[in-house]
Amino acid sequence: MAVPHPTPLVEGLYRDHHRWLTGWLRQRLGCPHNAADLAQDTFVKLLHARETPQLIEPRAFLVTIAKRVMCNHFRRQELERAYLQALAQVPEACVPSEEHKAIIFETLLELDRLLDGLPVLVKRAFLLSQVDGLGQSEIAVQLGISLATVKRYLHKAALRCYFAL
């Protein structure tokens, strides 16, 4: 993906506030390397923004974006940890290659992004259906909800995925 040419506003924000933002992130993360990466990710988000608003408080603006970037970072770490725990349960003969592990993990990240914002039970029903291969009646029993509710949840999640494409 090509990075757009920075606007004078983004260049100025970077020049004037990058060091400060990296320090702010370092205090919260405790790791200078992650802080530097997330500071860069924050400015990359600005580069990809359709428009950058006029800023009265540039540091507050940067903190808002950095918090979102940090939340995504933690979600990714949590998902990766869960994925690695699941892989540890798989028999040695069935463990996918490193390439397939990476592809599966990227797919999980994309699914997480697509389903973000849906209620927890809607996500669980969808994942039980698509990942675990359970039928609708099995999902209803496992989640303790009616079959009609399962159908409604699956429809809602499928629509979210369809319209995200």
C-alpha atoms as a PDB file:
ATOM      1  CA  MET A   1       0.000   0.000   0.000  1.00  0.00           C
ATOM      2  CA  ALA A   2       1.494   3.336  -1.037  1.00  0.00           C
ATOM      3  CA  VAL A   3       1.829   6.001   1.630  1.00  0.00           C
ATOM      4  CA  PRO A   4       0.371   9.326   0.522  1.00  0.00           C
ATOM      5  CA  HIS A   5       2.580  12.378   0.364  1.00  0.00           C
ATOM      6  CA  PRO A   6       2.441  14.189   3.713  1.00  0.00           C
ATOM      7  CA  THR A   7       0.595  17.463   3.927  1.00  0.00           C
ATOM      8  CA  PRO A   8       2.324  20.455   5.514  1.00  0.00           C
ATOM      9  CA  LEU A   9       0.071  19.997   8.567  1.00  0.00           C
ATOM     10  CA  VAL A  10       1.138  16.364   9.076  1.00  0.00           C
ATOM     11  CA  GLU A  11       4.787  17.289   8.506  1.00  0.00           C
ATOM     12  CA  GLY A  12       4.492  20.023  11.121  1.00  0.00           C
ATOM     13  CA  LEU A  13       2.756  17.724  13.595  1.00  0.00           C
ATOM     14  CA  TYR A  14       5.465  15.137  13.103  1.00  0.00           C
ATOM     15  CA  ARG A  15       8.305  17.620  13.447  1.00  0.00           C
ATOM     16  CA  ASP A  16       6.821  19.383  16.485  1.00  0.00           C
ATOM     17  CA  HIS A  17       5.270  16.491  18.404  1.00  0.00           C
ATOM     18  CA  HIS A  18       6.816  13.142  17.387  1.00  0.00           C
ATOM     19  CA  ARG A  19       9.367  13.083  20.212  1.00  0.00           C
ATOM     20  CA  TRP A  20       6.723  14.107  22.759  1.00  0.00           C
ATOM     21  CA  LEU A  21       4.249  11.464  21.524  1.00  0.00           C
ATOM     22  CA  THR A  22       6.910   8.753  21.648  1.00  0.00           C
ATOM     23  CA  GLY A  23       7.650   9.710  25.273  1.00  0.00           C
ATOM     24  CA  TRP A  24       3.949   9.719  26.128  1.00  0.00           C
ATOM     25  CA  LEU A  25       3.576   6.219  24.661  1.00  0.00           C
ATOM     26  CA  ARG A  26       6.769   5.008  26.386  1.00  0.00           C
ATOM     27  CA  GLN A  27       5.290   5.984  29.772  1.00  0.00           C
ATOM     28  CA  ARG A  28       2.189   3.907  29.074  1.00  0.00           C
ATOM     29  CA  LEU A  29       3.819   0.922  27.399  1.00  0.00           C
ATOM     30  CA  GLY A  30       7.095   0.673  29.314  1.00  0.00           C
ATOM     31  CA  CYS A  31       8.874  -0.319  26.115  1.00  0.00           C
ATOM     32  CA  PRO A  32      10.738   2.226  23.994  1.00  0.00           C
ATOM     33  CA  HIS A  33      10.591   0.010  20.897  1.00  0.00           C
ATOM     34  CA  ASN A  34       6.814  -0.455  21.016  1.00  0.00           C
ATOM     35  CA  ALA A  35       6.419   3.257  21.795  1.00  0.00           C
ATOM     36  CA  ALA A  36       8.436   4.196  18.706  1.00  0.00           C
ATOM     37  CA  ASP A  37       6.449   1.776  16.534  1.00  0.00           C
ATOM     38  CA  LEU A  38       3.090   3.026  17.785  1.00  0.00           C
ATOM     39  CA  ALA A  39       4.129   6.666  17.392  1.00  0.00           C
ATOM     40  CA  GLN A  40       4.979   5.914  13.761  1.00  0.00           C
ATOM     41  CA  ASP A  41       1.676   4.076  13.330  1.00  0.00           C
ATOM     42  CA  THR A  42      -0.124   7.133  14.707  1.00  0.00           C
ATOM     43  CA  PHE A  43       1.407   9.386  12.072  1.00  0.00           C
ATOM     44  CA  VAL A  44       0.765   6.816   9.339  1.00  0.00           C
ATOM     45  CA  LYS A  45      -2.925   6.948  10.336  1.00  0.00           C
ATOM     46  CA  LEU A  46      -2.783  10.711   9.850  1.00  0.00           C
ATOM     47  CA  LEU A  47      -1.213  10.258   6.419  1.00  0.00           C
ATOM     48  CA  HIS A  48      -4.070   7.985   5.365  1.00  0.00           C
ATOM     49  CA  ALA A  49      -6.798  10.237   6.759  1.00  0.00           C
ATOM     50  CA  ARG A  50      -9.039  11.783   4.127  1.00  0.00           C
ATOM     51  CA  GLU A  51      -8.696  15.154   5.746  1.00  0.00           C
ATOM     52  CA  THR A  52      -6.883  16.484   8.771  1.00  0.00           C
ATOM     53  CA  PRO A  53      -8.947  18.978  10.741  1.00  0.00           C
ATOM     54  CA  GLN A  54      -7.754  22.362  11.903  1.00  0.00           C
ATOM     55  CA  LEU A  55      -6.223  21.723  15.288  1.00  0.00           C
ATOM     56  CA  ILE A  56      -6.512  23.860  18.375  1.00  0.00           C
ATOM     57  CA  GLU A  57      -4.919  21.231  20.643  1.00  0.00           C
ATOM     58  CA  PRO A  58      -2.581  19.114  18.482  1.00  0.00           C
ATOM     59  CA  ARG A  59      -1.314  16.988  21.370  1.00  0.00           C
ATOM     60  CA  ALA A  60      -4.837  16.078  22.468  1.00  0.00           C
ATOM     61  CA  PHE A  61      -5.602  15.136  18.871  1.00  0.00           C
ATOM     62  CA  LEU A  62      -2.469  12.978  18.642  1.00  0.00           C
ATOM     63  CA  VAL A  63      -3.244  11.318  21.986  1.00  0.00           C
ATOM     64  CA  THR A  64      -6.725  10.394  20.751  1.00  0.00           C
ATOM     65  CA  ILE A  65      -5.303   8.724  17.658  1.00  0.00           C
ATOM     66  CA  ALA A  66      -2.457   7.113  19.621  1.00  0.00           C
ATOM     67  CA  LYS A  67      -4.934   5.631  22.116  1.00  0.00           C
ATOM     68  CA  ARG A  68      -6.820   3.994  19.251  1.00  0.00           C
ATOM     69  CA  VAL A  69      -3.562   2.680  17.802  1.00  0.00           C
ATOM     70  CA  MET A  70      -2.575   1.389  21.258  1.00  0.00           C
ATOM     71  CA  CYS A  71      -5.941  -0.358  21.701  1.00  0.00           C
ATOM     72  CA  ASN A  72      -5.507  -2.049  18.326  1.00  0.00           C
ATOM     73  CA  HIS A  73      -1.998  -3.088  19.370  1.00  0.00           C
ATOM     74  CA  PHE A  74      -3.303  -4.673  22.584  1.00  0.00           C
ATOM     75  CA  ARG A  75      -6.151  -6.402  20.736  1.00  0.00           C
ATOM     76  CA  ARG A  76      -3.668  -7.820  18.256  1.00  0.00           C
ATOM     77  CA  GLN A  77      -1.451  -9.070  21.100  1.00  0.00           C
ATOM     78  CA  GLU A  78      -4.434 -10.652  22.854  1.00  0.00           C
ATOM     79  CA  LEU A  79      -5.578 -12.344  19.650  1.00  0.00           C
ATOM     80  CA  GLU A  80      -2.061 -13.589  18.953  1.00  0.00           C
ATOM     81  CA  ARG A  81      -1.765 -14.981  22.486  1.00  0.00           C
ATOM     82  CA  ALA A  82      -5.098 -16.817  22.122  1.00  0.00           C
ATOM     83  CA  TYR A  83      -4.062 -18.150  18.707  1.00  0.00           C
ATOM     84  CA  LEU A  84      -0.748 -19.449  20.040  1.00  0.00           C
ATOM     85  CA  GLN A  85      -2.537 -21.103  22.977  1.00  0.00           C
ATOM     86  CA  ALA A  86      -4.922 -22.799  20.555  1.00  0.00           C
ATOM     87  CA  LEU A  87      -1.996 -23.966  18.422  1.00  0.00           C
ATOM     88  CA  ALA A  88      -0.345 -25.453  21.502  1.00  0.00           C
ATOM     89  CA  GLN A  89      -3.382 -27.766  21.840  1.00  0.00           C
ATOM     90  CA  VAL A  90      -3.046 -29.077  18.272  1.00  0.00           C
ATOM     91  CA  PRO A  91      -1.234 -32.407  17.813  1.00  0.00           C
ATOM     92  CA  GLU A  92       2.288 -31.991  16.420  1.00  0.00           C
ATOM     93  CA  ALA A  93       1.369 -33.718  13.152  1.00  0.00           C
ATOM     94  CA  CYS A  94      -1.436 -31.205  12.494  1.00  0.00           C
ATOM     95  CA  VAL A  95       0.448 -27.984  13.243  1.00  0.00           C
ATOM     96  CA  PRO A  96       0.419 -25.746  10.152  1.00  0.00           C
ATOM     97  CA  SER A  97       3.608 -24.469   8.554  1.00  0.00           C
ATOM     98  CA  GLU A  98       4.931 -21.046   9.540  1.00  0.00           C
ATOM     99  CA  GLU A  99       3.522 -19.612   6.302  1.00  0.00           C
ATOM    100  CA  HIS A 100       0.073 -21.050   6.997  1.00  0.00           C
ATOM    101  CA  LYS A 101       0.238 -19.838  10.612  1.00  0.00           C
ATOM    102  CA  ALA A 102       0.873 -16.314   9.345  1.00  0.00           C
ATOM    103  CA  ILE A 103      -1.985 -16.540   6.829  1.00  0.00           C
ATOM    104  CA  ILE A 104      -4.367 -17.891   9.481  1.00  0.00           C
ATOM    105  CA  PHE A 105      -3.359 -15.165  11.936  1.00  0.00           C
ATOM    106  CA  GLU A 106      -3.877 -12.408   9.352  1.00  0.00           C
ATOM    107  CA  THR A 107      -7.292 -13.901   8.576  1.00  0.00           C
ATOM    108  CA  LEU A 108      -8.156 -13.866  12.280  1.00  0.00           C
ATOM    109  CA  LEU A 109      -7.101 -10.217  12.499  1.00  0.00           C
ATOM    110  CA  GLU A 110      -9.288  -9.352   9.520  1.00  0.00           C
ATOM    111  CA  LEU A 111     -12.243 -11.230  11.026  1.00  0.00           C
ATOM    112  CA  ASP A 112     -11.714  -9.392  14.307  1.00  0.00           C
ATOM    113  CA  ARG A 113     -11.716  -6.088  12.442  1.00  0.00           C
ATOM    114  CA  LEU A 114     -14.850  -6.998  10.489  1.00  0.00           C
ATOM    115  CA  LEU A 115     -16.768  -8.125  13.554  1.00  0.00           C
ATOM    116  CA  ASP A 116     -15.631  -5.232  15.740  1.00  0.00           C
ATOM    117  CA  GLY A 117     -18.589  -3.416  17.221  1.00  0.00           C
ATOM    118  CA  LEU A 118     -20.977  -6.355  17.075  1.00  0.00           C
ATOM    119  CA  PRO A 119     -22.368  -7.658  20.376  1.00  0.00           C
ATOM    120  CA  VAL A 120     -20.323 -10.463  21.946  1.00  0.00           C
ATOM    121  CA  LEU A 121     -22.992 -13.137  21.426  1.00  0.00           C
ATOM    122  CA  VAL A 122     -23.325 -12.239  17.741  1.00  0.00           C
ATOM    123  CA  LYS A 123     -19.558 -12.665  17.304  1.00  0.00           C
ATOM    124  CA  ARG A 124     -19.530 -15.925  19.257  1.00  0.00           C
ATOM    125  CA  ALA A 125     -22.403 -17.367  17.230  1.00  0.00           C
ATOM    126  CA  PHE A 126     -20.687 -16.405  13.979  1.00  0.00           C
ATOM    127  CA  LEU A 127     -17.330 -17.859  15.047  1.00  0.00           C
ATOM    128  CA  LEU A 128     -18.932 -21.063  16.332  1.00  0.00           C
ATOM    129  CA  SER A 129     -20.561 -21.424  12.945  1.00  0.00           C
ATOM    130  CA  GLN A 130     -17.695 -20.435  10.676  1.00  0.00           C
ATOM    131  CA  VAL A 131     -14.624 -21.511  12.636  1.00  0.00           C
ATOM    132  CA  ASP A 132     -15.865 -24.424  14.721  1.00  0.00           C
ATOM    133  CA  GLY A 133     -18.337 -25.646  12.108  1.00  0.00           C
ATOM    134  CA  LEU A 134     -21.256 -25.987  14.521  1.00  0.00           C
ATOM    135  CA  GLY A 135     -24.796 -26.108  13.233  1.00  0.00           C
ATOM    136  CA  GLN A 136     -27.389 -23.553  14.256  1.00  0.00           C
ATOM    137  CA  SER A 137     -29.090 -25.846  16.773  1.00  0.00           C
ATOM    138  CA  GLU A 138     -25.732 -26.696  18.381  1.00  0.00           C
ATOM    139  CA  ILE A 139     -24.928 -22.981  18.647  1.00  0.00           C
ATOM    140  CA  ALA A 140     -28.315 -22.332  20.257  1.00  0.00           C
ATOM    141  CA  VAL A 141     -27.638 -24.990  22.901  1.00  0.00           C
ATOM    142  CA  GLN A 142     -24.067 -23.839  23.546  1.00  0.00           C
ATOM    143  CA  LEU A 143     -25.033 -20.163  23.909  1.00  0.00           C
ATOM    144  CA  GLY A 144     -28.341 -20.849  25.647  1.00  0.00           C
ATOM    145  CA  ILE A 145     -30.402 -18.884  23.114  1.00  0.00           C
ATOM    146  CA  SER A 146     -33.233 -19.755  20.745  1.00  0.00           C
ATOM    147  CA  LEU A 147     -32.711 -21.054  17.231  1.00  0.00           C
ATOM    148  CA  ALA A 148     -34.423 -17.938  15.837  1.00  0.00           C
ATOM    149  CA  THR A 149     -31.938 -15.758  17.734  1.00  0.00           C
ATOM    150  CA  VAL A 150     -29.012 -17.765  16.337  1.00  0.00           C
ATOM    151  CA  LYS A 151     -30.329 -17.245  12.810  1.00  0.00           C
ATOM    152  CA  ARG A 152     -30.743 -13.529  13.443  1.00  0.00           C
ATOM    153  CA  TYR A 153     -27.205 -13.275  14.883  1.00  0.00           C
ATOM    154  CA  LEU A 154     -25.638 -15.170  11.978  1.00  0.00           C
ATOM    155  CA  HIS A 155     -27.506 -13.002   9.497  1.00  0.00           C
ATOM    156  CA  LYS A 156     -26.325  -9.836  11.250  1.00  0.00           C
ATOM    157  CA  ALA A 157     -22.678 -10.968  11.270  1.00  0.00           C
ATOM    158  CA  ALA A 158     -22.831 -12.131   7.653  1.00  0.00           C
ATOM    159  CA  LEU A 159     -24.231  -8.756   6.583  1.00  0.00           C
ATOM    160  CA  ARG A 160     -21.397  -6.990   8.405  1.00  0.00           C
ATOM    161  CA  CYS A 161     -18.830  -9.098   6.560  1.00  0.00           C
ATOM    162  CA  TYR A 162     -20.582  -8.753   3.209  1.00  0.00           C
ATOM    163  CA  PHE A 163     -20.858  -4.962   3.340  1.00  0.00           C
ATOM    164  CA  ALA A 164     -17.296  -4.581   4.589  1.00  0.00           C
ATOM    165  CA  LEU A 165     -16.014  -6.066   1.346  1.00  0.00           C
END
